[in-house]
Amino acid sequence: MIDDLPPLREVIRNHDLRAKKSFGQNFLLDLNLTARIARAAGDLAGSDVLEVGPGPGGLTRGLLATGARRVLAIEKDARCLPALAEIEAAYPGRLAVIEGDALAIDPLGHLTPPIKIVSNLPYNVGTELLIRWMTPAQWPPFWDSLTLMFQREVAERIVAKPGSKAYGRLALMVAWRAEAKIVLHLPPEAFTPPPKVSSAVVHITRLETPRYPADAKVLERVIAMAFNQRRKMLRAALKGLHPDIETLLQTSGIAPTARAEEIGLEQFCALARAVKDNR
C-alpha cells in the first residue's frame, strides 16, 4: 500500500462509484500503477500538480505519496467528492478539490509555480485539453511538464514522426514547443470497466522557446490545410493559402509534389514564415 487509506475497490464499493460513460470514466484501481504514473512525472517535491478527472483518487494518492507539494484536482462527477475528501483529510493542506468542468475552469488562481500537470484524462476531453495546454496566448505556458494518459492511438499521434500514418497536426503542434515520449503502456484490463482500446501515458516537457521561428496562427493554418487533404500534393492542398504557393514551397525547401506526411517540422515552419512574409 502507498498510504493508510483503504484499497480503491473498497473505496468504490463504499461510495457506490460505478464508472459512467457520460464522464468518459475508466477507473485505474491498481495503486502500484498509479504510483508508476506519478513517478513518470519526475520529481514532484517542489511542484504544485494539476490533476483533471481524479475519479476515486487512485492517481491523486500516487501523486501525494510520491511527494507532490500540493495537488489541485478538478472533478466533474459530484459522486467522487466524498472519496476525494477522505484523501484530503489524510494529507492535510496538500490536496484541494474543485468540482466542475476542466474545460470551463481557470486553475491558475489555485496553483503556485512550478506547476506540473499529471492526469488520467477522461477520454472524451483529453485531446481538447492537450491542445489548449499546448497553444496558450503566451509561451512558455504556466506548466513545466504534462504527464497524461490517452487512448494508445492518440498517444501514438502525439509522438509520431514524418512518414508514419499517425503523423499529423497533433505531432507537429507538440514537437514545435516540447519534447514528448511515451513512458508507459496499459492494457484494457488494467481499468474498471475495461475500455475497448489500450492506453498509454505520454510525458511532455516544454521548451522555453519554440524549436523554429514561426507565427503560431500562420503555422497552425498551414499545417491544418496540409493535413485536411493529406493524400493530395501540397501544391493542391495549399492552393488557397497563397496565389503563388508553388514558389513559396520551393523557397522553403519543399517539393510542390510532396504530401503533408512527408514534411518535417522545420520545413513547415519555413513555409509558415514564407507565407507570412509574402502576404
C-alpha atoms as a PDB file:
ATOM      1  CA  MET A   1       0.000   0.000   0.000  1.00  0.00           C
ATOM      2  CA  ILE A   2       1.188   3.524  -0.770  1.00  0.00           C
ATOM      3  CA  ASP A   3      -0.713   5.008   2.208  1.00  0.00           C
ATOM      4  CA  ASP A   4      -3.035   4.078   5.083  1.00  0.00           C
ATOM      5  CA  LEU A   5      -6.231   4.636   3.085  1.00  0.00           C
ATOM      6  CA  PRO A   6      -8.360   1.626   2.005  1.00  0.00           C
ATOM      7  CA  PRO A   7      -7.844  -0.156  -1.356  1.00  0.00           C
ATOM      8  CA  LEU A   8      -9.591   1.527  -4.293  1.00  0.00           C
ATOM      9  CA  ARG A   9     -12.029  -1.339  -4.854  1.00  0.00           C
ATOM     10  CA  GLU A  10     -13.237  -0.799  -1.300  1.00  0.00           C
ATOM     11  CA  VAL A  11     -13.479   2.978  -1.851  1.00  0.00           C
ATOM     12  CA  ILE A  12     -15.557   2.411  -4.993  1.00  0.00           C
ATOM     13  CA  ARG A  13     -17.811  -0.069  -3.190  1.00  0.00           C
ATOM     14  CA  ASN A  14     -18.237   2.195  -0.135  1.00  0.00           C
ATOM     15  CA  HIS A  15     -19.212   5.212  -2.266  1.00  0.00           C
ATOM     16  CA  ASP A  16     -21.084   3.264  -4.990  1.00  0.00           C
ATOM     17  CA  LEU A  17     -18.861   4.707  -7.713  1.00  0.00           C
ATOM     18  CA  ARG A  18     -19.676   2.866 -10.898  1.00  0.00           C
ATOM     19  CA  ALA A  19     -17.793   4.422 -13.830  1.00  0.00           C
ATOM     20  CA  LYS A  20     -20.068   6.470 -16.101  1.00  0.00           C
ATOM     21  CA  LYS A  21     -19.662   6.593 -19.868  1.00  0.00           C
ATOM     22  CA  SER A  22     -21.029  10.156 -19.944  1.00  0.00           C
ATOM     23  CA  PHE A  23     -17.986  11.299 -17.942  1.00  0.00           C
ATOM     24  CA  GLY A  24     -15.561   9.276 -20.089  1.00  0.00           C
ATOM     25  CA  GLN A  25     -14.610   7.328 -16.948  1.00  0.00           C
ATOM     26  CA  ASN A  26     -12.458   4.198 -16.745  1.00  0.00           C
ATOM     27  CA  PHE A  27     -11.038   3.802 -13.241  1.00  0.00           C
ATOM     28  CA  LEU A  28      -7.469   2.619 -12.716  1.00  0.00           C
ATOM     29  CA  LEU A  29      -7.592   0.624  -9.485  1.00  0.00           C
ATOM     30  CA  ASP A  30      -4.033  -0.688  -9.144  1.00  0.00           C
ATOM     31  CA  LEU A  31      -2.231   1.704  -6.774  1.00  0.00           C
ATOM     32  CA  ASN A  32       1.134   0.346  -7.940  1.00  0.00           C
ATOM     33  CA  LEU A  33       0.262   1.525 -11.458  1.00  0.00           C
ATOM     34  CA  THR A  34      -0.972   4.938 -10.310  1.00  0.00           C
ATOM     35  CA  ALA A  35       2.271   5.363  -8.343  1.00  0.00           C
ATOM     36  CA  ARG A  36       4.242   4.476 -11.509  1.00  0.00           C
ATOM     37  CA  ILE A  37       2.387   7.194 -13.445  1.00  0.00           C
ATOM     38  CA  ALA A  38       3.157   9.682 -10.655  1.00  0.00           C
ATOM     39  CA  ARG A  39       6.849   8.736 -10.773  1.00  0.00           C
ATOM     40  CA  ALA A  40       6.862   9.149 -14.580  1.00  0.00           C
ATOM     41  CA  ALA A  41       6.178  12.842 -13.976  1.00  0.00           C
ATOM     42  CA  GLY A  42       9.635  13.198 -12.375  1.00  0.00           C
ATOM     43  CA  ASP A  43      10.464  14.825  -9.054  1.00  0.00           C
ATOM     44  CA  LEU A  44       7.265  16.405  -7.727  1.00  0.00           C
ATOM     45  CA  ALA A  45       8.617  17.530  -4.344  1.00  0.00           C
ATOM     46  CA  GLY A  46       8.880  21.224  -5.190  1.00  0.00           C
ATOM     47  CA  SER A  47       5.873  21.439  -7.526  1.00  0.00           C
ATOM     48  CA  ASP A  48       2.146  22.010  -7.456  1.00  0.00           C
ATOM     49  CA  VAL A  49       0.318  19.413  -9.546  1.00  0.00           C
ATOM     50  CA  LEU A  50      -2.888  19.897 -11.521  1.00  0.00           C
ATOM     51  CA  GLU A  51      -4.938  16.716 -11.944  1.00  0.00           C
ATOM     52  CA  VAL A  52      -8.049  16.572 -14.149  1.00  0.00           C
ATOM     53  CA  GLY A  53     -10.642  13.858 -13.569  1.00  0.00           C
ATOM     54  CA  PRO A  54      -9.269  12.175 -10.430  1.00  0.00           C
ATOM     55  CA  GLY A  55     -12.344   9.943 -10.035  1.00  0.00           C
ATOM     56  CA  PRO A  56     -11.969   7.903  -6.817  1.00  0.00           C
ATOM     57  CA  GLY A  57      -8.445   9.285  -6.366  1.00  0.00           C
ATOM     58  CA  GLY A  58      -6.019   6.489  -7.290  1.00  0.00           C
ATOM     59  CA  LEU A  59      -3.605   8.769  -9.136  1.00  0.00           C
ATOM     60  CA  THR A  60      -4.222  11.545  -6.583  1.00  0.00           C
ATOM     61  CA  ARG A  61      -2.920   9.232  -3.858  1.00  0.00           C
ATOM     62  CA  GLY A  62       0.075   8.306  -6.016  1.00  0.00           C
ATOM     63  CA  LEU A  63       0.933  11.979  -6.558  1.00  0.00           C
ATOM     64  CA  LEU A  64       0.695  12.807  -2.847  1.00  0.00           C
ATOM     65  CA  ALA A  65       2.563   9.677  -1.738  1.00  0.00           C
ATOM     66  CA  THR A  66       5.428  10.380  -4.159  1.00  0.00           C
ATOM     67  CA  GLY A  67       5.848  13.844  -2.690  1.00  0.00           C
ATOM     68  CA  ALA A  68       3.871  16.427  -4.692  1.00  0.00           C
ATOM     69  CA  ARG A  69       3.972  19.690  -2.777  1.00  0.00           C
ATOM     70  CA  ARG A  70       0.262  20.223  -3.422  1.00  0.00           C
ATOM     71  CA  VAL A  71      -2.359  18.735  -5.738  1.00  0.00           C
ATOM     72  CA  LEU A  72      -5.291  20.616  -7.265  1.00  0.00           C
ATOM     73  CA  ALA A  73      -7.866  18.098  -8.525  1.00  0.00           C
ATOM     74  CA  ILE A  74     -10.722  19.161 -10.815  1.00  0.00           C
ATOM     75  CA  GLU A  75     -13.595  16.659 -10.781  1.00  0.00           C
ATOM     76  CA  LYS A  76     -16.870  16.983 -12.694  1.00  0.00           C
ATOM     77  CA  ASP A  77     -18.577  13.973 -11.075  1.00  0.00           C
ATOM     78  CA  ALA A  78     -20.003  15.006  -7.689  1.00  0.00           C
ATOM     79  CA  ARG A  79     -20.264  11.314  -6.679  1.00  0.00           C
ATOM     80  CA  CYS A  80     -16.450  11.214  -6.373  1.00  0.00           C
ATOM     81  CA  LEU A  81     -16.168  14.163  -3.955  1.00  0.00           C
ATOM     82  CA  PRO A  82     -16.652  12.174  -0.683  1.00  0.00           C
ATOM     83  CA  ALA A  83     -13.869   9.739  -1.684  1.00  0.00           C
ATOM     84  CA  LEU A  84     -11.568  12.674  -2.529  1.00  0.00           C
ATOM     85  CA  ALA A  85     -12.464  14.328   0.808  1.00  0.00           C
ATOM     86  CA  GLU A  86     -11.080  11.239   2.595  1.00  0.00           C
ATOM     87  CA  ILE A  87      -7.755  11.696   0.769  1.00  0.00           C
ATOM     88  CA  GLU A  88      -7.801  15.412   1.632  1.00  0.00           C
ATOM     89  CA  ALA A  89      -8.153  14.507   5.314  1.00  0.00           C
ATOM     90  CA  ALA A  90      -5.267  12.007   5.093  1.00  0.00           C
ATOM     91  CA  TYR A  91      -2.947  14.614   3.526  1.00  0.00           C
ATOM     92  CA  PRO A  92      -3.803  17.838   5.422  1.00  0.00           C
ATOM     93  CA  GLY A  93      -3.174  21.036   3.457  1.00  0.00           C
ATOM     94  CA  ARG A  94      -1.843  19.208   0.375  1.00  0.00           C
ATOM     95  CA  LEU A  95      -4.997  18.480  -1.652  1.00  0.00           C
ATOM     96  CA  ALA A  96      -7.596  20.927  -2.940  1.00  0.00           C
ATOM     97  CA  VAL A  97     -10.597  19.695  -4.932  1.00  0.00           C
ATOM     98  CA  ILE A  98     -12.704  21.818  -7.282  1.00  0.00           C
ATOM     99  CA  GLU A  99     -15.993  20.433  -8.564  1.00  0.00           C
ATOM    100  CA  GLY A 100     -16.587  21.392 -12.173  1.00  0.00           C
ATOM    101  CA  ASP A 101     -15.643  21.063 -15.825  1.00  0.00           C
ATOM    102  CA  ALA A 102     -11.905  21.395 -16.512  1.00  0.00           C
ATOM    103  CA  LEU A 103     -12.723  22.993 -19.880  1.00  0.00           C
ATOM    104  CA  ALA A 104     -14.510  25.837 -18.065  1.00  0.00           C
ATOM    105  CA  ILE A 105     -12.220  26.364 -15.048  1.00  0.00           C
ATOM    106  CA  ASP A 106      -9.079  28.510 -14.909  1.00  0.00           C
ATOM    107  CA  PRO A 107      -6.880  26.722 -12.362  1.00  0.00           C
ATOM    108  CA  LEU A 108      -4.139  29.356 -12.197  1.00  0.00           C
ATOM    109  CA  GLY A 109      -5.501  31.206  -9.164  1.00  0.00           C
ATOM    110  CA  HIS A 110      -5.211  27.972  -7.172  1.00  0.00           C
ATOM    111  CA  LEU A 111      -1.659  26.983  -8.167  1.00  0.00           C
ATOM    112  CA  THR A 112       1.842  28.212  -7.324  1.00  0.00           C
ATOM    113  CA  PRO A 113       4.691  27.654  -9.826  1.00  0.00           C
ATOM    114  CA  PRO A 114       6.444  25.460 -10.653  1.00  0.00           C
ATOM    115  CA  ILE A 115       3.411  23.543 -11.922  1.00  0.00           C
ATOM    116  CA  LYS A 116       3.161  20.079 -13.457  1.00  0.00           C
ATOM    117  CA  ILE A 117       0.020  18.574 -14.954  1.00  0.00           C
ATOM    118  CA  VAL A 118      -0.491  14.850 -14.299  1.00  0.00           C
ATOM    119  CA  SER A 119      -3.790  13.239 -15.268  1.00  0.00           C
ATOM    120  CA  ASN A 120      -5.522  10.075 -16.330  1.00  0.00           C
ATOM    121  CA  LEU A 121      -7.601  12.223 -18.665  1.00  0.00           C
ATOM    122  CA  PRO A 122     -11.240  11.384 -19.378  1.00  0.00           C
ATOM    123  CA  TYR A 123     -11.216  10.040 -22.952  1.00  0.00           C
ATOM    124  CA  ASN A 124     -13.876  12.468 -24.128  1.00  0.00           C
ATOM    125  CA  VAL A 125     -11.901  15.669 -23.339  1.00  0.00           C
ATOM    126  CA  GLY A 126      -8.264  14.509 -23.413  1.00  0.00           C
ATOM    127  CA  THR A 127      -7.253  15.796 -26.849  1.00  0.00           C
ATOM    128  CA  GLU A 128      -9.058  19.125 -26.404  1.00  0.00           C
ATOM    129  CA  LEU A 129      -7.278  19.771 -23.085  1.00  0.00           C
ATOM    130  CA  LEU A 130      -3.899  18.878 -24.598  1.00  0.00           C
ATOM    131  CA  ILE A 131      -4.445  21.332 -27.475  1.00  0.00           C
ATOM    132  CA  ARG A 132      -5.390  24.095 -25.012  1.00  0.00           C
ATOM    133  CA  TRP A 133      -2.293  23.456 -22.876  1.00  0.00           C
ATOM    134  CA  MET A 134      -0.058  23.434 -25.973  1.00  0.00           C
ATOM    135  CA  THR A 135      -1.491  26.613 -27.546  1.00  0.00           C
ATOM    136  CA  PRO A 136      -1.653  29.355 -24.877  1.00  0.00           C
ATOM    137  CA  ALA A 137      -1.617  33.030 -25.886  1.00  0.00           C
ATOM    138  CA  GLN A 138       1.875  33.376 -24.416  1.00  0.00           C
ATOM    139  CA  TRP A 139       4.760  30.872 -24.455  1.00  0.00           C
ATOM    140  CA  PRO A 140       6.253  29.474 -22.237  1.00  0.00           C
ATOM    141  CA  PRO A 141       2.997  28.252 -20.641  1.00  0.00           C
ATOM    142  CA  PHE A 142       2.144  28.068 -16.930  1.00  0.00           C
ATOM    143  CA  TRP A 143       3.171  24.389 -16.764  1.00  0.00           C
ATOM    144  CA  ASP A 144       6.642  22.792 -16.843  1.00  0.00           C
ATOM    145  CA  SER A 145       5.556  19.310 -17.934  1.00  0.00           C
ATOM    146  CA  LEU A 146       2.489  17.250 -18.829  1.00  0.00           C
ATOM    147  CA  THR A 147       2.193  13.564 -17.894  1.00  0.00           C
ATOM    148  CA  LEU A 148      -1.074  12.414 -19.419  1.00  0.00           C
ATOM    149  CA  MET A 149      -2.882   9.184 -20.146  1.00  0.00           C
ATOM    150  CA  PHE A 150      -4.614   8.829 -23.509  1.00  0.00           C
ATOM    151  CA  GLN A 151      -6.012   6.122 -25.700  1.00  0.00           C
ATOM    152  CA  ARG A 152      -2.965   4.464 -27.242  1.00  0.00           C
ATOM    153  CA  GLU A 153      -3.892   5.685 -30.736  1.00  0.00           C
ATOM    154  CA  VAL A 154      -3.910   9.318 -29.532  1.00  0.00           C
ATOM    155  CA  ALA A 155      -0.608   8.830 -27.667  1.00  0.00           C
ATOM    156  CA  GLU A 156       0.966   7.495 -30.872  1.00  0.00           C
ATOM    157  CA  ARG A 157      -0.294  10.528 -32.806  1.00  0.00           C
ATOM    158  CA  ILE A 158       1.367  12.845 -30.260  1.00  0.00           C
ATOM    159  CA  VAL A 159       4.836  11.288 -30.684  1.00  0.00           C
ATOM    160  CA  ALA A 160       4.578  10.360 -34.398  1.00  0.00           C
ATOM    161  CA  LYS A 161       7.392  11.103 -36.851  1.00  0.00           C
ATOM    162  CA  PRO A 162       7.168  12.123 -40.550  1.00  0.00           C
ATOM    163  CA  GLY A 163       6.314   9.294 -42.913  1.00  0.00           C
ATOM    164  CA  SER A 164       4.078   7.416 -40.467  1.00  0.00           C
ATOM    165  CA  LYS A 165       0.281   7.124 -40.671  1.00  0.00           C
ATOM    166  CA  ALA A 166      -0.107   8.626 -37.199  1.00  0.00           C
ATOM    167  CA  TYR A 167       1.892  11.762 -38.120  1.00  0.00           C
ATOM    168  CA  GLY A 168      -0.170  14.924 -38.360  1.00  0.00           C
ATOM    169  CA  ARG A 169      -1.274  18.129 -36.686  1.00  0.00           C
ATOM    170  CA  LEU A 170      -1.034  16.818 -33.124  1.00  0.00           C
ATOM    171  CA  ALA A 171       2.576  15.602 -33.508  1.00  0.00           C
ATOM    172  CA  LEU A 172       3.678  18.871 -35.130  1.00  0.00           C
ATOM    173  CA  MET A 173       1.918  21.082 -32.584  1.00  0.00           C
ATOM    174  CA  VAL A 174       3.610  19.252 -29.708  1.00  0.00           C
ATOM    175  CA  ALA A 175       7.045  18.890 -31.366  1.00  0.00           C
ATOM    176  CA  TRP A 176       7.211  22.631 -32.154  1.00  0.00           C
ATOM    177  CA  ARG A 177       7.203  23.590 -28.485  1.00  0.00           C
ATOM    178  CA  ALA A 178       8.049  20.482 -26.461  1.00  0.00           C
ATOM    179  CA  GLU A 179       9.720  17.083 -26.112  1.00  0.00           C
ATOM    180  CA  ALA A 180       7.271  14.166 -25.993  1.00  0.00           C
ATOM    181  CA  LYS A 181       7.702  10.458 -25.314  1.00  0.00           C
ATOM    182  CA  ILE A 182       5.503   7.510 -24.364  1.00  0.00           C
ATOM    183  CA  VAL A 183       6.571   6.327 -20.898  1.00  0.00           C
ATOM    184  CA  LEU A 184       4.009   3.627 -20.081  1.00  0.00           C
ATOM    185  CA  HIS A 185       1.592   1.296 -21.906  1.00  0.00           C
ATOM    186  CA  LEU A 186      -1.522  -0.006 -20.152  1.00  0.00           C
ATOM    187  CA  PRO A 187      -3.769  -2.854 -21.337  1.00  0.00           C
ATOM    188  CA  PRO A 188      -7.589  -2.539 -21.184  1.00  0.00           C
ATOM    189  CA  GLU A 189      -7.777  -4.997 -18.248  1.00  0.00           C
ATOM    190  CA  ALA A 190      -5.887  -2.511 -16.026  1.00  0.00           C
ATOM    191  CA  PHE A 191      -9.127  -0.485 -15.866  1.00  0.00           C
ATOM    192  CA  THR A 192     -12.623  -0.876 -14.471  1.00  0.00           C
ATOM    193  CA  PRO A 193     -14.594  -1.148 -16.678  1.00  0.00           C
ATOM    194  CA  PRO A 194     -12.028  -2.223 -19.313  1.00  0.00           C
ATOM    195  CA  PRO A 195     -12.146   0.149 -22.319  1.00  0.00           C
ATOM    196  CA  LYS A 196     -12.183  -1.295 -25.842  1.00  0.00           C
ATOM    197  CA  VAL A 197      -8.674   0.084 -26.516  1.00  0.00           C
ATOM    198  CA  SER A 198      -5.226   0.079 -24.905  1.00  0.00           C
ATOM    199  CA  SER A 199      -3.928   3.218 -23.205  1.00  0.00           C
ATOM    200  CA  ALA A 200      -0.556   4.922 -22.949  1.00  0.00           C
ATOM    201  CA  VAL A 201       0.996   7.621 -20.772  1.00  0.00           C
ATOM    202  CA  VAL A 202       2.804  10.446 -22.571  1.00  0.00           C
ATOM    203  CA  HIS A 203       5.344  12.692 -20.833  1.00  0.00           C
ATOM    204  CA  ILE A 204       5.734  16.135 -22.432  1.00  0.00           C
ATOM    205  CA  THR A 205       8.398  18.623 -21.328  1.00  0.00           C
ATOM    206  CA  ARG A 206       8.053  22.188 -22.561  1.00  0.00           C
ATOM    207  CA  LEU A 207      10.804  24.050 -24.380  1.00  0.00           C
ATOM    208  CA  GLU A 208      11.435  27.638 -23.263  1.00  0.00           C
ATOM    209  CA  THR A 209      11.060  28.821 -26.880  1.00  0.00           C
ATOM    210  CA  PRO A 210       9.624  27.057 -29.943  1.00  0.00           C
ATOM    211  CA  ARG A 211      12.062  24.853 -31.847  1.00  0.00           C
ATOM    212  CA  TYR A 212      11.981  27.029 -35.007  1.00  0.00           C
ATOM    213  CA  PRO A 213      10.697  30.584 -35.531  1.00  0.00           C
ATOM    214  CA  ALA A 214       7.158  30.858 -36.924  1.00  0.00           C
ATOM    215  CA  ASP A 215       3.931  32.757 -36.279  1.00  0.00           C
ATOM    216  CA  ALA A 216       1.731  30.341 -34.288  1.00  0.00           C
ATOM    217  CA  LYS A 217      -1.520  31.182 -36.124  1.00  0.00           C
ATOM    218  CA  VAL A 218       0.058  31.015 -39.600  1.00  0.00           C
ATOM    219  CA  LEU A 219       1.810  27.737 -38.757  1.00  0.00           C
ATOM    220  CA  GLU A 220      -1.429  26.220 -37.474  1.00  0.00           C
ATOM    221  CA  ARG A 221      -3.253  27.274 -40.662  1.00  0.00           C
ATOM    222  CA  VAL A 222      -0.532  25.871 -42.943  1.00  0.00           C
ATOM    223  CA  ILE A 223      -0.479  22.532 -41.079  1.00  0.00           C
ATOM    224  CA  ALA A 224      -4.293  22.312 -40.895  1.00  0.00           C
ATOM    225  CA  MET A 225      -4.698  22.892 -44.648  1.00  0.00           C
ATOM    226  CA  ALA A 226      -1.877  20.464 -45.488  1.00  0.00           C
ATOM    227  CA  PHE A 227      -3.346  17.615 -43.425  1.00  0.00           C
ATOM    228  CA  ASN A 228      -7.024  18.271 -44.174  1.00  0.00           C
ATOM    229  CA  GLN A 229      -6.286  16.802 -47.620  1.00  0.00           C
ATOM    230  CA  ARG A 230      -3.290  14.682 -46.694  1.00  0.00           C
ATOM    231  CA  ARG A 231      -3.471  12.477 -49.800  1.00  0.00           C
ATOM    232  CA  LYS A 232      -3.125  15.479 -52.110  1.00  0.00           C
ATOM    233  CA  MET A 233       0.169  17.008 -53.233  1.00  0.00           C
ATOM    234  CA  LEU A 234       0.914  20.145 -51.236  1.00  0.00           C
ATOM    235  CA  ARG A 235       0.618  22.465 -54.244  1.00  0.00           C
ATOM    236  CA  ALA A 236      -3.044  21.354 -54.483  1.00  0.00           C
ATOM    237  CA  ALA A 237      -3.793  21.067 -50.746  1.00  0.00           C
ATOM    238  CA  LEU A 238      -2.383  24.556 -50.065  1.00  0.00           C
ATOM    239  CA  LYS A 239      -3.550  26.380 -53.204  1.00  0.00           C
ATOM    240  CA  GLY A 240      -5.984  28.511 -51.184  1.00  0.00           C
ATOM    241  CA  LEU A 241      -3.145  29.744 -48.955  1.00  0.00           C
ATOM    242  CA  HIS A 242      -1.322  31.947 -51.499  1.00  0.00           C
ATOM    243  CA  PRO A 243      -1.678  32.572 -55.273  1.00  0.00           C
ATOM    244  CA  ASP A 244       1.951  31.552 -55.831  1.00  0.00           C
ATOM    245  CA  ILE A 245       2.135  28.641 -53.402  1.00  0.00           C
ATOM    246  CA  GLU A 246       4.463  26.616 -55.658  1.00  0.00           C
ATOM    247  CA  THR A 247       7.189  29.260 -55.400  1.00  0.00           C
ATOM    248  CA  LEU A 248       6.744  29.549 -51.619  1.00  0.00           C
ATOM    249  CA  LEU A 249       7.014  25.778 -51.257  1.00  0.00           C
ATOM    250  CA  GLN A 250      10.210  25.707 -53.328  1.00  0.00           C
ATOM    251  CA  THR A 251      11.826  28.590 -51.416  1.00  0.00           C
ATOM    252  CA  SER A 252      11.004  26.714 -48.189  1.00  0.00           C
ATOM    253  CA  GLY A 253      12.835  23.615 -49.430  1.00  0.00           C
ATOM    254  CA  ILE A 254       9.624  21.658 -50.062  1.00  0.00           C
ATOM    255  CA  ALA A 255       8.837  19.869 -53.323  1.00  0.00           C
ATOM    256  CA  PRO A 256       5.390  21.056 -54.518  1.00  0.00           C
ATOM    257  CA  THR A 257       4.582  17.412 -55.349  1.00  0.00           C
ATOM    258  CA  ALA A 258       5.269  16.262 -51.768  1.00  0.00           C
ATOM    259  CA  ARG A 259       2.473  15.269 -49.403  1.00  0.00           C
ATOM    260  CA  ALA A 260       1.951  16.588 -45.874  1.00  0.00           C
ATOM    261  CA  GLU A 261       3.046  13.408 -44.084  1.00  0.00           C
ATOM    262  CA  GLU A 262       6.487  13.599 -45.757  1.00  0.00           C
ATOM    263  CA  ILE A 263       7.283  17.079 -44.437  1.00  0.00           C
ATOM    264  CA  GLY A 264       9.140  17.734 -41.181  1.00  0.00           C
ATOM    265  CA  LEU A 265       8.531  20.463 -38.620  1.00  0.00           C
ATOM    266  CA  GLU A 266      11.455  22.654 -39.735  1.00  0.00           C
ATOM    267  CA  GLN A 267      10.115  22.819 -43.307  1.00  0.00           C
ATOM    268  CA  PHE A 268       6.564  23.592 -42.135  1.00  0.00           C
ATOM    269  CA  CYS A 269       7.970  26.456 -40.028  1.00  0.00           C
ATOM    270  CA  ALA A 270       9.957  27.746 -43.042  1.00  0.00           C
ATOM    271  CA  LEU A 271       6.773  27.670 -45.147  1.00  0.00           C
ATOM    272  CA  ALA A 272       4.807  29.497 -42.419  1.00  0.00           C
ATOM    273  CA  ARG A 273       7.474  32.255 -42.418  1.00  0.00           C
ATOM    274  CA  ALA A 274       7.362  32.477 -46.239  1.00  0.00           C
ATOM    275  CA  VAL A 275       3.548  32.737 -46.235  1.00  0.00           C
ATOM    276  CA  LYS A 276       3.648  35.491 -43.596  1.00  0.00           C
ATOM    277  CA  ASP A 277       6.395  37.431 -45.416  1.00  0.00           C
ATOM    278  CA  ASN A 278       4.520  37.287 -48.737  1.00  0.00           C
ATOM    279  CA  ARG A 279       1.032  38.248 -47.717  1.00  0.00           C
END
